[in-house]
C-alpha cells in the first residue's frame, strides 16, 4: 500500500516562508513523479508543482519564483519550500503520486497566510 504523509504547515504572516515535506512509502520512490496540490476552501484542487524522478520540475504560474520543489530519493521525501507567501496561498496542501494508474493522496497539511 502507498502511504504519503505531509508535514510542515502552519500560520505565517504575508511575506513569510514555510517548508512542507511529504514522506512516501510503498513505492519505488525514485521512479515516480511527485506532485504537490493545494485546495482552498470552496475551490477545486490545483496542481502547484511537480518533480520527476530525475529531478525535472514544473510549477503553476501563480507560484513560479516563490515556491521550490525538491526531493530526496534516499529518504523518500519530497519537499516544497514556500517563500514570499501571500494570503491567496492559504490552502490545504496535498502530496500526490500516480502509481499503477491510481492516484494516491496524503491527508494534507494546512497553510494559513494571515497577519
Protein backbone atom coordinates (compact mmCIF):
# COMPACT_ATOMS: atom_id res chain seq x y z
CA UNK A 1 0.00 0.00 0.00
CA UNK A 2 1.15 3.51 -0.80
CA UNK A 3 1.28 6.00 2.05
CA UNK A 4 2.00 9.70 1.84
CA UNK A 5 2.37 11.79 4.99
CA UNK A 6 2.67 15.55 4.81
CA UNK A 7 4.03 17.88 7.46
CA UNK A 8 5.17 21.46 7.90
CA UNK A 9 2.04 23.56 7.52
CA UNK A 10 1.04 26.35 9.86
CA UNK A 11 0.18 30.02 10.26
CA UNK A 12 2.54 32.55 8.72
CA UNK A 13 2.41 36.26 8.01
CA UNK A 14 2.35 37.60 4.44
CA UNK A 15 5.86 37.62 3.05
CA UNK A 16 6.90 34.74 5.27
CA UNK A 17 8.14 31.25 4.47
CA UNK A 18 7.28 27.65 5.23
CA UNK A 19 8.73 24.33 4.22
CA UNK A 20 6.40 21.42 3.59
CA UNK A 21 7.56 17.82 3.50
CA UNK A 22 6.00 14.58 2.34
CA UNK A 23 7.31 11.15 3.20
CA UNK A 24 6.32 8.31 0.87
CA UNK A 25 6.28 4.58 1.45
CA UNK A 26 5.07 1.59 -0.54
CA UNK A 27 6.57 2.67 -3.87
CA UNK A 28 9.96 2.62 -5.55
CA UNK A 29 10.13 6.32 -4.85
CA UNK A 30 12.92 7.32 -7.23
CA UNK A 31 10.92 6.13 -10.25
CA UNK A 32 7.87 8.35 -9.71
CA UNK A 33 6.95 11.92 -10.40
CA UNK A 34 5.80 13.51 -7.16
CA UNK A 35 3.22 16.25 -7.07
CA UNK A 36 2.08 18.95 -4.67
CA UNK A 37 -1.50 20.14 -4.98
CA UNK A 38 -3.45 22.64 -2.95
CA UNK A 39 -7.09 23.29 -2.28
CA UNK A 40 -8.51 26.45 -0.82
CA UNK A 41 -11.97 26.48 0.73
CA UNK A 42 -14.63 26.45 -1.96
CA UNK A 43 -12.22 25.87 -4.84
CA UNK A 44 -11.00 22.93 -6.86
CA UNK A 45 -7.76 21.21 -6.05
CA UNK A 46 -4.97 22.62 -8.20
CA UNK A 47 -1.50 21.38 -9.12
CA UNK A 48 1.16 23.60 -7.58
CA UNK A 49 4.40 21.87 -8.55
CA UNK A 50 5.84 18.53 -9.51
CA UNK A 51 9.21 16.87 -9.80
CA UNK A 52 10.20 13.84 -11.86
CA UNK A 53 12.35 11.02 -10.57
CA UNK A 54 15.28 12.60 -12.37
CA UNK A 55 14.68 15.98 -10.78
CA UNK A 56 12.95 17.96 -13.53
CA UNK A 57 10.48 20.43 -12.07
CA UNK A 58 7.44 22.40 -13.14
CA UNK A 59 5.31 25.00 -11.38
CA UNK A 60 1.97 26.69 -11.61
CA UNK A 61 2.30 30.25 -12.87
CA UNK A 62 0.90 31.58 -9.59
CA UNK A 63 3.86 30.21 -7.60
CA UNK A 64 6.79 30.46 -10.04
CA UNK A 65 9.73 32.22 -8.48
CA UNK A 66 8.32 31.83 -4.96
CA UNK A 67 7.99 28.06 -4.41
CA UNK A 68 10.67 25.43 -4.89
CA UNK A 69 10.09 21.69 -5.05
CA UNK A 70 12.84 19.21 -4.27
CA UNK A 71 13.22 15.54 -3.47
CA UNK A 72 15.48 13.17 -1.60
CA UNK A 73 15.45 9.74 -3.21
CA UNK A 74 17.31 8.20 -0.27
CA UNK A 75 14.87 9.39 2.37
CA UNK A 76 11.82 9.03 0.07
CA UNK A 77 10.78 12.58 0.72
CA UNK A 78 9.57 15.45 -1.43
CA UNK A 79 9.62 18.99 -0.10
CA UNK A 80 8.05 22.27 -1.08
CA UNK A 81 9.71 25.49 0.02
CA UNK A 82 7.17 28.31 0.14
CA UNK A 83 8.63 31.84 0.11
CA UNK A 84 7.08 35.29 -0.20
CA UNK A 85 3.77 33.87 0.89
CA UNK A 86 0.55 35.70 0.07
CA UNK A 87 -2.90 35.42 1.63
CA UNK A 88 -4.08 33.73 -1.56
CA UNK A 89 -1.65 30.87 -0.87
CA UNK A 90 -3.85 29.88 2.06
CA UNK A 91 -4.98 26.30 1.40
CA UNK A 92 -4.54 22.71 2.39
CA UNK A 93 -1.52 21.32 0.58
CA UNK A 94 -1.54 17.69 -0.55
CA UNK A 95 1.20 15.35 -1.69
CA UNK A 96 0.25 13.10 -4.61
CA UNK A 97 1.67 10.29 -6.68
CA UNK A 98 0.16 8.35 -9.55
CA UNK A 99 1.15 4.69 -9.24
CA UNK A 100 -0.33 1.71 -11.10
CA UNK A 101 -2.82 4.10 -12.73
CA UNK A 102 -4.11 5.05 -9.29
CA UNK A 103 -3.76 8.45 -7.64
CA UNK A 104 -2.60 8.33 -4.04
CA UNK A 105 -3.02 11.26 -1.69
CA UNK A 106 -1.83 12.26 1.71
CA UNK A 107 -4.19 13.80 4.27
CA UNK A 108 -2.83 17.25 3.63
CA UNK A 109 -1.22 19.97 5.68
CA UNK A 110 -2.88 23.34 6.16
CA UNK A 111 -1.13 26.60 5.33
CA UNK A 112 -2.68 29.85 6.50
CA UNK A 113 -1.19 33.17 5.42
CA UNK A 114 -2.59 35.99 7.51
CA UNK A 115 -1.48 38.99 9.51
